[in-house]
Every structure is written in C-alpha cells, then in structure tokens.
Amino acid sequence: MSYTLKISQDDNDRRLDRILRGLFKHVTLGEIMKSIRKGEVRVNSKRAKEPGTKIFAGDELVVPWSLENENDDFKNEQKIFTHKSWGKIKVLFQGENVLILNKPAGILVQPDEAGGDSVISRVWGVTGSKTPAAVHRLDRNTTGVLAVALHGEALRALEELFKNRNIRKFYLAIVAGRAPEEIVIDAPLLKDSENNLVKVSDEGLTAVTKCERLAVDKAGKFSLVKLELLTGRTHQARVHMAHIKCPIIGDRKYGDFRINRALKNIMRPFLHAYELEFPENLKPALKEIEGKIFSAPLPDDMKEFLEVRGMSF
C-alpha cells in the first residue's frame, strides 16, 4: 500500500528525509532510510536517490506508509488530558512506557507546591497514578516537546539517554538582530542557585549550542534560529543567545530591555522545544520510541510574530 501527498509551501526547499520524518512520526528513521535506498520513495514519479534531495512546493511524493498512526495519535490527543480539574495538554505520542507531550506556555513541568498545577500534576490527574515523571525540564514559559516516563524502568532508561547525551534536542527561537548563518557557541555556564540566574563564566560547566539561522526580516531586526543543545544546562539557550548579542525576544531575565519594552504584547521568551530525536537500539522499555523523531508545531504567538514580519518556517 502506498500513500501520495503533494508538498505545500510550508515544506518548500527542504530535505526529503526531514519532510518524511516530520510527516510520518510513527515510522523509524531506519525504515525511512531503507525505503529511500530501495527506491520505494518517489518524487514526481521518479525514485528518490538521496535522503538529502531537495523538495519543493508542488512536488508529489509517493511513500510506502500511510498516516493511519497519525490519526490514532489525534484520537489519543482528544481522549487523554480532557480533564475537568487540570485542563488539556496535547499528546504527540502515547505508548505503554512513554508519553510525549506538547507543553504549552505558562505552566511548570513539575509542581512547585503540594497540589500545585503542572504538566506532571495533569498527567497524574488523568492516569490516576503518581508514578509518571518528567525526564527533562522546560522553563515555565517555554513551549514544545516533553518526554514523560510512565513507570520506573522507562524513567531510568530515559535518564540514562539524557545523561549520556544520546538524544538530540532542537529548539526554535526568535532573537533580536541578524543572527549568524551558523555558529557553535561553546561557553561554560555558572549557575547562581540562590538568585536562579546563569552566566557565562570560566568557572562554569561545559555548555555547547549549535545555532543555525533559518530566516531574518528585511530590516535585519529579528531572526528565527534553530538551536541544537549539545549539553543540557539550566537556561542554556537563553544565556548563549544573549552571549552572542542575539537575545531571545520576550526574555525578561537575559534579554534586551529596550527591545522587550517596545514589543509590549510579547509576554514570554519566544523559545520553543521543537524536536526530540531518539537513537536506535534502545533498551526494551524504550523500544516503542527508538529511532523516532517527535516534533511540536510552532505555537501561534511565535507563528503570528513571524508572519507579520514576512518570515516563515
């Protein structure tokens, strides 16, 4: 069985493998590469030769998978987290061992007091169990992909992956100024726990961020960047972007005060956890997510900011 789709302007001039990984989240990266090698993926009726083949708006793709599992995920999203006490958080993937969520802005990952609202509180409220636990952290006002372990075995396996930096983490951010086309920011970070502040310091821990500029407005005042965090330090993306003089807009702690004051309607740092990429050959508790990439669409506030300034993603 094959599936035919036409590429929209949103995916114009993107790599074939990136498009397929975004559309068919239930298909592993290994399966995608194998299908391309075997000639099962066609572009405008011709066999695709390379994963990096550029695809353009209007192109027609034929692939050997359907979107059935995507529909299942949508059903899960409707069924789970429609909870009268805690509200709703969108589900990107629900397995027996792992839950992948799209965290909204304005909510903590973990409760800061007994009975407090948080992503995990809402998971507990729906599952009826306090076993589920978040494996990593996103700031209160950061949106995007969040992994939750549903039991202890999965938690230990996921913690090991994050500790050993075997998971690739990508963020999207809107920053002030014309960001470099590509840059690796290697600047150690020191945390002041008492004041919850982080700064670049030779006395800090190693912190490395890859930054790629995706778009810039005509005036060069704002850029959309893609960040890959090679380490997982507190406030890493925010401090590193401020360090290279391209602070994230809306960031009241590390950003540019004058720019933030002029952008009165932006009430949070425009930082979005866009993608989590899991490796192959995982432990049994994580087999359901091995080789998979989970991505969360850009939130409406960031999307609107880009559209008004003629920028797109």
Protein backbone atom coordinates (compact mmCIF):
# COMPACT_ATOMS: atom_id res chain seq x y z
CA MET A 1 0.00 0.00 0.00
CA SER A 2 1.34 3.44 -0.92
CA TYR A 3 0.41 6.99 0.06
CA THR A 4 0.56 10.02 -2.22
CA LEU A 5 0.88 13.59 -0.98
CA LYS A 6 1.59 16.99 -2.51
CA ILE A 7 4.16 19.27 -0.89
CA SER A 8 2.85 22.60 0.38
CA GLN A 9 4.67 25.92 0.56
CA ASP A 10 5.44 25.20 4.23
CA ASP A 11 7.86 22.45 3.16
CA ASN A 12 9.32 24.26 0.16
CA ASP A 13 13.08 23.78 -0.39
CA ARG A 14 13.52 21.26 2.44
CA ARG A 15 15.37 17.94 2.55
CA LEU A 16 13.36 14.83 1.70
CA ASP A 17 14.33 12.98 4.88
CA ARG A 18 13.35 15.96 7.08
CA ILE A 19 9.93 16.16 5.45
CA LEU A 20 9.31 12.43 5.81
CA ARG A 21 10.44 12.38 9.43
CA GLY A 22 8.07 15.22 10.24
CA LEU A 23 5.06 13.72 8.48
CA PHE A 24 5.43 10.05 9.45
CA LYS A 25 6.36 10.17 13.12
CA HIS A 26 5.35 6.52 13.62
CA VAL A 27 7.99 5.37 11.09
CA THR A 28 11.55 4.99 12.39
CA LEU A 29 14.47 6.81 10.81
CA GLY A 30 15.95 3.44 9.84
CA GLU A 31 12.77 2.46 7.97
CA ILE A 32 12.72 5.79 6.14
CA MET A 33 16.34 5.42 5.01
CA LYS A 34 15.79 1.82 3.97
CA SER A 35 12.75 2.76 1.87
CA ILE A 36 14.72 5.52 0.13
CA ARG A 37 17.59 3.11 -0.63
CA LYS A 38 15.16 0.51 -2.01
CA GLY A 39 13.53 3.07 -4.29
CA GLU A 40 10.17 2.88 -2.54
CA VAL A 41 10.02 6.69 -2.16
CA ARG A 42 9.25 8.56 -5.37
CA VAL A 43 9.39 12.27 -6.17
CA ASN A 44 7.28 13.29 -9.17
CA SER A 45 7.13 9.61 -10.25
CA LYS A 46 10.94 9.21 -10.10
CA ARG A 47 12.80 7.22 -7.48
CA ALA A 48 14.41 9.43 -4.85
CA LYS A 49 18.17 8.87 -4.91
CA GLU A 50 19.35 10.54 -1.71
CA PRO A 51 17.87 11.40 1.73
CA GLY A 52 19.12 14.97 1.23
CA THR A 53 17.24 15.51 -2.03
CA LYS A 54 15.67 18.99 -2.02
CA ILE A 55 11.88 19.01 -2.27
CA PHE A 56 9.81 21.98 -3.44
CA ALA A 57 6.21 23.20 -3.17
CA GLY A 58 4.02 21.36 -5.67
CA ASP A 59 6.20 18.24 -5.80
CA GLU A 60 4.34 14.95 -5.45
CA LEU A 61 5.68 12.28 -3.12
CA VAL A 62 4.75 8.61 -3.10
CA VAL A 63 5.73 6.66 0.02
CA PRO A 64 5.06 3.12 1.29
CA TRP A 65 3.37 4.21 4.53
CA SER A 66 0.00 5.64 5.49
CA LEU A 67 -0.93 8.30 8.03
CA GLU A 68 -3.09 5.85 10.00
CA ASN A 69 -0.95 6.07 13.13
CA GLU A 70 -1.09 9.83 12.94
CA ASN A 71 -4.87 9.60 13.12
CA ASP A 72 -4.51 7.31 16.13
CA ASP A 73 -2.33 9.93 17.80
CA PHE A 74 -5.01 12.52 17.12
CA LYS A 75 -7.61 10.30 18.77
CA ASN A 76 -5.32 9.90 21.76
CA GLU A 77 -4.97 13.66 21.97
CA GLN A 78 -8.74 14.02 22.18
CA LYS A 79 -9.17 11.18 24.66
CA ILE A 80 -6.35 12.00 27.06
CA PHE A 81 -5.99 15.13 29.16
CA THR A 82 -9.51 16.40 28.70
CA HIS A 83 -9.64 16.60 32.47
CA LYS A 84 -12.10 18.91 34.25
CA SER A 85 -9.66 19.80 37.03
CA TRP A 86 -6.42 20.17 35.08
CA GLY A 87 -7.35 21.19 31.55
CA LYS A 88 -5.78 19.72 28.44
CA ILE A 89 -2.28 19.22 27.11
CA LYS A 90 -1.77 17.90 23.58
CA VAL A 91 -0.38 14.41 23.20
CA LEU A 92 2.17 13.79 20.45
CA PHE A 93 2.66 10.11 21.29
CA GLN A 94 1.21 7.69 23.81
CA GLY A 95 2.89 4.35 24.38
CA GLU A 96 2.77 1.87 27.21
CA ASN A 97 6.02 3.19 28.69
CA VAL A 98 6.49 6.74 27.41
CA LEU A 99 4.30 9.77 26.83
CA ILE A 100 5.44 12.59 24.53
CA LEU A 101 3.58 15.87 25.14
CA ASN A 102 3.42 19.33 23.58
CA LYS A 103 3.84 21.60 26.60
CA PRO A 104 2.02 24.95 26.46
CA ALA A 105 3.42 28.21 27.84
CA GLY A 106 2.66 29.38 31.36
CA ILE A 107 2.85 26.04 33.15
CA LEU A 108 5.59 24.36 35.18
CA VAL A 109 6.77 20.86 34.32
CA GLN A 110 6.78 19.82 37.99
CA PRO A 111 4.53 21.25 40.74
CA ASP A 112 6.30 23.77 43.00
CA GLU A 113 3.96 23.08 45.91
CA ALA A 114 1.66 20.30 47.07
CA GLY A 115 -1.44 20.23 44.91
CA GLY A 116 0.03 22.84 42.52
CA ASP A 117 -0.69 22.89 38.81
CA SER A 118 1.96 21.49 36.46
CA VAL A 119 2.31 19.21 33.46
CA ILE A 120 3.03 16.24 35.70
CA SER A 121 0.10 17.10 38.00
CA ARG A 122 -2.18 16.92 34.99
CA VAL A 123 -0.70 13.59 33.93
CA TRP A 124 -1.28 12.26 37.43
CA GLY A 125 -4.83 13.58 37.37
CA VAL A 126 -5.63 11.74 34.16
CA THR A 127 -3.77 8.48 34.75
CA GLY A 128 -4.78 8.20 38.40
CA SER A 129 -1.17 7.40 39.32
CA LYS A 130 1.74 9.40 40.69
CA THR A 131 4.30 7.12 39.04
CA PRO A 132 4.74 9.14 35.78
CA ALA A 133 7.70 11.51 35.87
CA ALA A 134 9.23 14.09 33.53
CA VAL A 135 12.67 13.14 32.28
CA HIS A 136 13.87 16.65 31.42
CA ARG A 137 12.79 20.22 32.12
CA LEU A 138 11.40 23.12 30.14
CA ASP A 139 11.04 26.57 31.67
CA ARG A 140 7.53 27.69 32.66
CA ASN A 141 7.11 29.81 29.52
CA THR A 142 8.95 27.54 27.08
CA THR A 143 6.67 25.51 24.83
CA GLY A 144 7.18 22.24 22.99
CA VAL A 145 8.18 18.60 23.15
CA LEU A 146 8.40 17.00 26.59
CA ALA A 147 9.09 13.33 27.37
CA VAL A 148 7.34 11.68 30.33
CA ALA A 149 8.19 8.22 31.65
CA LEU A 150 5.13 6.27 32.76
CA HIS A 151 6.96 3.92 35.14
CA GLY A 152 10.31 3.42 36.83
CA GLU A 153 12.01 1.22 34.24
CA ALA A 154 11.29 3.69 31.45
CA LEU A 155 12.38 6.59 33.67
CA ARG A 156 15.76 5.01 34.39
CA ALA A 157 16.33 4.20 30.72
CA LEU A 158 15.40 7.72 29.61
CA GLU A 159 17.51 9.35 32.31
CA GLU A 160 20.50 7.36 31.07
CA LEU A 161 19.90 8.55 27.49
CA PHE A 162 19.74 12.18 28.54
CA LYS A 163 22.74 11.86 30.86
CA ASN A 164 24.86 10.33 28.08
CA ARG A 165 23.59 12.94 25.58
CA ASN A 166 22.23 10.27 23.25
CA ILE A 167 19.07 12.26 22.49
CA ARG A 168 19.22 15.15 20.02
CA LYS A 169 17.32 18.23 21.21
CA PHE A 170 16.33 21.01 18.82
CA TYR A 171 14.73 24.34 19.67
CA LEU A 172 13.34 27.23 17.64
CA ALA A 173 13.78 30.77 18.91
CA ILE A 174 13.09 34.28 17.66
CA VAL A 175 16.00 36.52 18.54
CA ALA A 176 16.96 40.16 18.23
CA GLY A 177 19.27 41.16 15.38
CA ARG A 178 20.71 39.29 12.42
CA ALA A 179 21.94 36.01 13.84
CA PRO A 180 24.99 34.33 12.27
CA GLU A 181 24.14 31.85 9.50
CA GLU A 182 25.79 29.11 11.54
CA ILE A 183 27.73 29.21 14.77
CA VAL A 184 28.77 26.84 17.56
CA ILE A 185 28.52 28.58 20.92
CA ASP A 186 30.98 26.96 23.32
CA ALA A 187 30.70 28.97 26.54
CA PRO A 188 30.73 27.43 30.06
CA LEU A 189 27.79 28.34 32.29
CA LEU A 190 27.78 29.02 36.00
CA LYS A 191 24.51 28.88 37.94
CA ASP A 192 23.64 31.14 40.87
CA SER A 193 21.05 28.90 42.54
CA GLU A 194 20.10 31.46 45.17
CA ASN A 195 19.00 34.01 42.55
CA ASN A 196 18.13 31.48 39.82
CA LEU A 197 20.50 33.19 37.39
CA VAL A 198 23.01 31.72 34.97
CA LYS A 199 26.02 33.45 33.44
CA VAL A 200 28.92 32.65 31.14
CA SER A 201 31.99 32.00 33.30
CA ASP A 202 35.26 30.11 33.05
CA GLU A 203 34.32 28.62 36.41
CA GLY A 204 31.12 27.13 34.98
CA LEU A 205 30.22 23.79 33.43
CA THR A 206 30.78 23.00 29.76
CA ALA A 207 27.88 24.16 27.61
CA VAL A 208 27.67 23.89 23.81
CA THR A 209 24.91 25.07 21.49
CA LYS A 210 24.73 24.85 17.71
CA CYS A 211 22.86 27.75 16.14
CA GLU A 212 21.55 27.96 12.56
CA ARG A 213 19.70 30.99 11.17
CA LEU A 214 16.53 29.96 9.34
CA ALA A 215 15.07 33.38 8.48
CA VAL A 216 15.62 37.09 9.04
CA ASP A 217 13.26 40.02 8.49
CA LYS A 218 14.03 42.61 5.79
CA ALA A 219 15.28 45.17 8.28
CA GLY A 220 17.57 42.68 9.97
CA LYS A 221 15.98 43.37 13.34
CA PHE A 222 14.84 39.82 14.11
CA SER A 223 15.93 36.30 13.20
CA LEU A 224 14.40 32.85 13.50
CA VAL A 225 17.06 30.38 14.63
CA LYS A 226 17.26 26.64 15.14
CA LEU A 227 19.28 25.58 18.17
CA GLU A 228 20.68 22.16 18.96
CA LEU A 229 21.60 21.83 22.62
CA LEU A 230 24.59 19.51 22.88
CA THR A 231 24.51 19.89 26.66
CA GLY A 232 21.56 20.41 28.98
CA ARG A 233 22.40 23.31 31.27
CA THR A 234 19.81 25.49 33.01
CA HIS A 235 18.72 28.40 30.77
CA GLN A 236 21.38 27.35 28.24
CA ALA A 237 19.65 28.55 25.06
CA ARG A 238 18.65 31.87 26.62
CA VAL A 239 22.08 32.68 28.06
CA HIS A 240 24.01 31.55 24.99
CA MET A 241 21.93 33.66 22.61
CA ALA A 242 22.34 36.69 24.86
CA HIS A 243 26.08 35.94 24.93
CA ILE A 244 26.39 36.35 21.14
CA LYS A 245 24.32 39.58 21.26
CA CYS A 246 21.21 37.96 19.78
CA PRO A 247 18.98 37.67 22.88
CA ILE A 248 15.69 35.84 22.66
CA ILE A 249 12.89 38.37 22.40
CA GLY A 250 10.47 38.48 25.31
CA ASP A 251 13.15 37.21 27.70
CA ARG A 252 12.87 39.49 30.75
CA LYS A 253 15.83 37.86 32.53
CA TYR A 254 18.53 37.65 29.85
CA GLY A 255 17.06 39.67 27.00
CA ASP A 256 17.34 43.28 25.79
CA PHE A 257 15.23 45.57 27.99
CA ARG A 258 14.67 48.23 25.30
CA ILE A 259 13.57 45.73 22.66
CA ASN A 260 11.27 43.92 25.08
CA ARG A 261 9.70 47.20 26.19
CA ALA A 262 8.98 48.11 22.56
CA LEU A 263 7.37 44.68 21.98
CA LYS A 264 4.68 45.20 24.62
CA ASN A 265 2.45 42.30 23.58
CA ILE A 266 5.13 39.63 23.95
CA MET A 267 4.78 38.22 27.42
CA ARG A 268 7.24 35.32 27.31
CA PRO A 269 10.59 34.33 25.79
CA PHE A 270 9.98 33.14 22.24
CA LEU A 271 11.66 29.77 22.75
CA HIS A 272 10.09 26.51 21.56
CA ALA A 273 11.32 22.94 22.10
CA TYR A 274 10.80 21.85 18.51
CA GLU A 275 12.13 18.33 18.24
CA LEU A 276 13.41 15.30 20.18
CA GLU A 277 15.27 12.66 18.19
CA PHE A 278 15.76 9.22 19.76
CA PRO A 279 18.53 6.79 18.69
CA GLU A 280 18.17 3.19 17.54
CA ASN A 281 18.88 0.08 19.63
CA LEU A 282 17.29 1.19 22.87
CA LYS A 283 16.51 -0.85 25.97
CA PRO A 284 13.27 -2.91 25.96
CA ALA A 285 11.34 -0.27 27.91
CA LEU A 286 12.03 2.25 25.12
CA LYS A 287 11.56 0.07 22.03
CA GLU A 288 8.35 1.92 21.20
CA ILE A 289 10.25 5.18 20.60
CA GLU A 290 13.61 4.01 19.21
CA GLY A 291 14.67 5.76 16.03
CA LYS A 292 11.71 8.12 16.20
CA ILE A 293 11.58 11.90 15.98
CA PHE A 294 8.86 13.84 17.77
CA SER A 295 8.21 17.44 16.82
CA ALA A 296 5.75 20.06 18.04
CA PRO A 297 4.36 22.73 15.69
CA LEU A 298 5.36 26.32 16.27
CA PRO A 299 2.91 27.92 18.76
CA ASP A 300 0.51 30.56 17.49
CA ASP A 301 2.18 33.55 19.16
CA MET A 302 5.55 32.83 17.54
CA LYS A 303 3.95 31.99 14.22
CA GLU A 304 1.99 35.26 14.18
CA PHE A 305 5.14 37.28 15.01
CA LEU A 306 6.95 35.74 12.04
CA GLU A 307 4.05 36.19 9.63
CA VAL A 308 3.62 39.88 10.45
CA ARG A 309 7.30 40.43 9.56
CA GLY A 310 7.28 38.36 6.40
CA MET A 311 9.24 35.49 7.89
CA SER A 312 8.22 31.84 7.67
CA PHE A 313 9.22 28.42 8.88
